[in-house]
Amino acid sequence: FGMAGKVSAKADVYSYGILLLEVFTGRKPTDEQFDGDSSLRQWVGEAFPVAISDVIDSHLFNESNTTPTENQLL
């Protein structure tokens, strides 16, 4: 998606999903780890659902940086 230069709802949804993966993992699709045959999407997909806690950014669970309401959401 996006590589063909065509704008579509599917491309927007895919991009939004990648953005969410960036937020939840703390990684970027352009990180060195994701060169060649590997991608952020594949990495998370391989971890889901058994090892999903291994790919979630641990800073999301750092309670010292969150309010009680934010902790309830997590």
N, C-alpha and C. Protein backbone atom coordinates (compact mmCIF):
# COMPACT_ATOMS: atom_id res chain seq x y z
N PHE A 1 0.83 -1.18 0.00
CA PHE A 1 0.00 0.00 0.00
C PHE A 1 0.87 1.24 0.00
N GLY A 2 0.46 2.23 -0.74
CA GLY A 2 1.19 3.47 -0.78
C GLY A 2 2.35 3.49 -1.76
N MET A 3 2.86 2.34 -2.11
CA MET A 3 4.00 2.28 -3.01
C MET A 3 3.59 2.55 -4.45
N ALA A 4 2.36 2.27 -4.80
CA ALA A 4 1.90 2.47 -6.17
C ALA A 4 1.50 3.91 -6.44
N GLY A 5 1.45 4.72 -5.39
CA GLY A 5 1.10 6.12 -5.55
C GLY A 5 -0.39 6.38 -5.68
N LYS A 6 -1.20 5.37 -5.41
CA LYS A 6 -2.65 5.53 -5.48
C LYS A 6 -3.22 5.72 -4.08
N VAL A 7 -4.12 6.68 -3.97
CA VAL A 7 -4.77 6.95 -2.70
C VAL A 7 -6.07 6.15 -2.64
N SER A 8 -6.28 5.47 -1.51
CA SER A 8 -7.52 4.72 -1.35
C SER A 8 -7.83 4.58 0.13
N ALA A 9 -9.04 4.18 0.44
CA ALA A 9 -9.44 3.95 1.83
C ALA A 9 -8.63 2.79 2.41
N LYS A 10 -8.36 1.77 1.60
CA LYS A 10 -7.57 0.64 2.07
C LYS A 10 -6.17 1.08 2.49
N ALA A 11 -5.58 1.96 1.71
CA ALA A 11 -4.24 2.46 2.05
C ALA A 11 -4.27 3.26 3.34
N ASP A 12 -5.33 4.04 3.53
CA ASP A 12 -5.47 4.82 4.76
C ASP A 12 -5.61 3.91 5.97
N VAL A 13 -6.42 2.87 5.85
CA VAL A 13 -6.62 1.94 6.96
C VAL A 13 -5.32 1.22 7.28
N TYR A 14 -4.61 0.78 6.26
CA TYR A 14 -3.33 0.10 6.47
C TYR A 14 -2.34 1.04 7.18
N SER A 15 -2.25 2.28 6.72
CA SER A 15 -1.33 3.25 7.33
C SER A 15 -1.70 3.53 8.77
N TYR A 16 -2.98 3.61 9.05
CA TYR A 16 -3.43 3.83 10.42
C TYR A 16 -3.04 2.64 11.30
N GLY A 17 -3.18 1.45 10.78
CA GLY A 17 -2.78 0.25 11.52
C GLY A 17 -1.30 0.24 11.83
N ILE A 18 -0.49 0.64 10.86
CA ILE A 18 0.96 0.71 11.08
C ILE A 18 1.27 1.76 12.13
N LEU A 19 0.57 2.89 12.09
CA LEU A 19 0.75 3.93 13.10
C LEU A 19 0.43 3.39 14.49
N LEU A 20 -0.65 2.63 14.62
CA LEU A 20 -0.99 2.04 15.92
C LEU A 20 0.09 1.06 16.38
N LEU A 21 0.63 0.28 15.45
CA LEU A 21 1.71 -0.64 15.82
C LEU A 21 2.92 0.13 16.33
N GLU A 22 3.22 1.26 15.71
CA GLU A 22 4.33 2.10 16.16
C GLU A 22 4.09 2.58 17.59
N VAL A 23 2.87 3.02 17.87
CA VAL A 23 2.53 3.53 19.20
C VAL A 23 2.65 2.43 20.24
N PHE A 24 2.09 1.27 19.96
CA PHE A 24 2.05 0.20 20.95
C PHE A 24 3.37 -0.55 21.11
N THR A 25 4.20 -0.55 20.08
CA THR A 25 5.48 -1.27 20.18
C THR A 25 6.66 -0.35 20.49
N GLY A 26 6.51 0.94 20.20
CA GLY A 26 7.62 1.87 20.39
C GLY A 26 8.68 1.72 19.31
N ARG A 27 8.34 1.05 18.23
CA ARG A 27 9.28 0.83 17.11
C ARG A 27 8.73 1.45 15.84
N LYS A 28 9.64 1.70 14.90
CA LYS A 28 9.27 2.27 13.61
C LYS A 28 9.46 1.23 12.52
N PRO A 29 8.67 1.30 11.46
CA PRO A 29 8.85 0.35 10.36
C PRO A 29 10.21 0.48 9.69
N THR A 30 10.88 1.61 9.94
CA THR A 30 12.19 1.85 9.32
C THR A 30 13.36 1.46 10.23
N ASP A 31 13.07 0.89 11.40
CA ASP A 31 14.14 0.43 12.29
C ASP A 31 15.00 -0.61 11.57
N GLU A 32 16.29 -0.65 11.90
CA GLU A 32 17.22 -1.58 11.27
C GLU A 32 16.77 -3.03 11.36
N GLN A 33 16.06 -3.35 12.42
CA GLN A 33 15.56 -4.71 12.64
C GLN A 33 14.62 -5.17 11.52
N PHE A 34 13.98 -4.21 10.85
CA PHE A 34 12.96 -4.53 9.85
C PHE A 34 13.43 -4.31 8.41
N ASP A 35 14.66 -4.65 8.13
CA ASP A 35 15.13 -4.54 6.75
C ASP A 35 15.02 -5.89 6.05
N GLY A 36 15.02 -5.88 4.77
CA GLY A 36 14.96 -7.14 4.03
C GLY A 36 13.59 -7.78 4.05
N ASP A 37 13.52 -9.01 4.54
CA ASP A 37 12.27 -9.77 4.50
C ASP A 37 11.37 -9.54 5.70
N SER A 38 11.83 -8.85 6.71
CA SER A 38 11.06 -8.64 7.93
C SER A 38 10.42 -7.27 7.93
N SER A 39 9.26 -7.17 8.59
CA SER A 39 8.58 -5.88 8.73
C SER A 39 7.96 -5.79 10.12
N LEU A 40 7.61 -4.59 10.52
CA LEU A 40 6.97 -4.36 11.80
C LEU A 40 5.68 -5.18 11.88
N ARG A 41 4.90 -5.16 10.82
CA ARG A 41 3.63 -5.89 10.78
C ARG A 41 3.86 -7.39 10.96
N GLN A 42 4.84 -7.93 10.28
CA GLN A 42 5.14 -9.36 10.39
C GLN A 42 5.63 -9.72 11.79
N TRP A 43 6.47 -8.87 12.36
CA TRP A 43 7.02 -9.10 13.69
C TRP A 43 5.91 -9.19 14.73
N VAL A 44 4.97 -8.24 14.68
CA VAL A 44 3.85 -8.26 15.62
C VAL A 44 2.94 -9.45 15.31
N GLY A 45 2.70 -9.71 14.04
CA GLY A 45 1.85 -10.83 13.65
C GLY A 45 2.38 -12.17 14.14
N GLU A 46 3.68 -12.34 14.13
CA GLU A 46 4.29 -13.59 14.61
C GLU A 46 4.18 -13.73 16.12
N ALA A 47 4.15 -12.59 16.82
CA ALA A 47 4.06 -12.62 18.28
C ALA A 47 2.61 -12.77 18.76
N PHE A 48 1.67 -12.44 17.92
CA PHE A 48 0.26 -12.46 18.31
C PHE A 48 -0.32 -13.86 18.23
N PRO A 49 -1.09 -14.32 19.16
CA PRO A 49 -1.44 -13.74 20.46
C PRO A 49 -0.57 -14.26 21.60
N VAL A 50 0.25 -15.26 21.34
CA VAL A 50 0.98 -15.94 22.42
C VAL A 50 2.01 -15.04 23.10
N ALA A 51 2.81 -14.33 22.33
CA ALA A 51 3.91 -13.55 22.89
C ALA A 51 3.72 -12.05 22.68
N ILE A 52 2.48 -11.61 22.64
CA ILE A 52 2.22 -10.19 22.36
C ILE A 52 2.84 -9.29 23.43
N SER A 53 2.95 -9.76 24.65
CA SER A 53 3.56 -8.94 25.70
C SER A 53 5.04 -8.68 25.42
N ASP A 54 5.66 -9.49 24.58
CA ASP A 54 7.06 -9.30 24.22
C ASP A 54 7.26 -8.14 23.25
N VAL A 55 6.23 -7.76 22.53
CA VAL A 55 6.38 -6.69 21.54
C VAL A 55 5.78 -5.36 22.00
N ILE A 56 4.96 -5.39 23.05
CA ILE A 56 4.37 -4.15 23.55
C ILE A 56 5.44 -3.35 24.27
N ASP A 57 5.47 -2.06 24.02
CA ASP A 57 6.44 -1.16 24.64
C ASP A 57 6.23 -1.15 26.15
N SER A 58 7.24 -1.52 26.90
CA SER A 58 7.12 -1.59 28.36
C SER A 58 6.86 -0.23 28.99
N HIS A 59 7.18 0.86 28.31
CA HIS A 59 6.92 2.19 28.84
C HIS A 59 5.42 2.47 28.95
N LEU A 60 4.61 1.75 28.21
CA LEU A 60 3.17 1.94 28.31
C LEU A 60 2.64 1.51 29.68
N PHE A 61 3.37 0.64 30.35
CA PHE A 61 2.92 0.11 31.63
C PHE A 61 3.64 0.74 32.81
N ASN A 62 4.43 1.76 32.56
CA ASN A 62 5.15 2.46 33.62
C ASN A 62 4.16 3.37 34.34
N GLU A 63 3.70 2.94 35.49
CA GLU A 63 2.64 3.65 36.20
C GLU A 63 3.08 5.01 36.74
N SER A 64 4.36 5.26 36.89
CA SER A 64 4.81 6.55 37.41
C SER A 64 4.58 7.68 36.42
N ASN A 65 4.41 7.35 35.14
CA ASN A 65 4.19 8.36 34.11
C ASN A 65 2.73 8.51 33.71
N THR A 66 1.82 7.82 34.41
CA THR A 66 0.42 7.85 34.01
C THR A 66 -0.47 8.27 35.16
N THR A 67 -1.64 8.75 34.82
CA THR A 67 -2.63 9.12 35.82
C THR A 67 -3.46 7.88 36.15
N PRO A 68 -4.21 7.89 37.25
CA PRO A 68 -5.06 6.74 37.57
C PRO A 68 -6.05 6.39 36.44
N THR A 69 -6.56 7.40 35.76
CA THR A 69 -7.48 7.14 34.65
C THR A 69 -6.77 6.44 33.50
N GLU A 70 -5.56 6.86 33.20
CA GLU A 70 -4.79 6.21 32.15
C GLU A 70 -4.47 4.77 32.52
N ASN A 71 -4.18 4.52 33.78
CA ASN A 71 -3.91 3.15 34.22
C ASN A 71 -5.13 2.25 34.03
N GLN A 72 -6.31 2.79 34.26
CA GLN A 72 -7.53 2.01 34.07
C GLN A 72 -7.72 1.66 32.60
N LEU A 73 -7.33 2.56 31.71
CA LEU A 73 -7.47 2.30 30.28
C LEU A 73 -6.50 1.23 29.82
N LEU A 74 -5.34 1.17 30.43
CA LEU A 74 -4.35 0.17 30.05
C LEU A 74 -4.73 -1.16 30.63
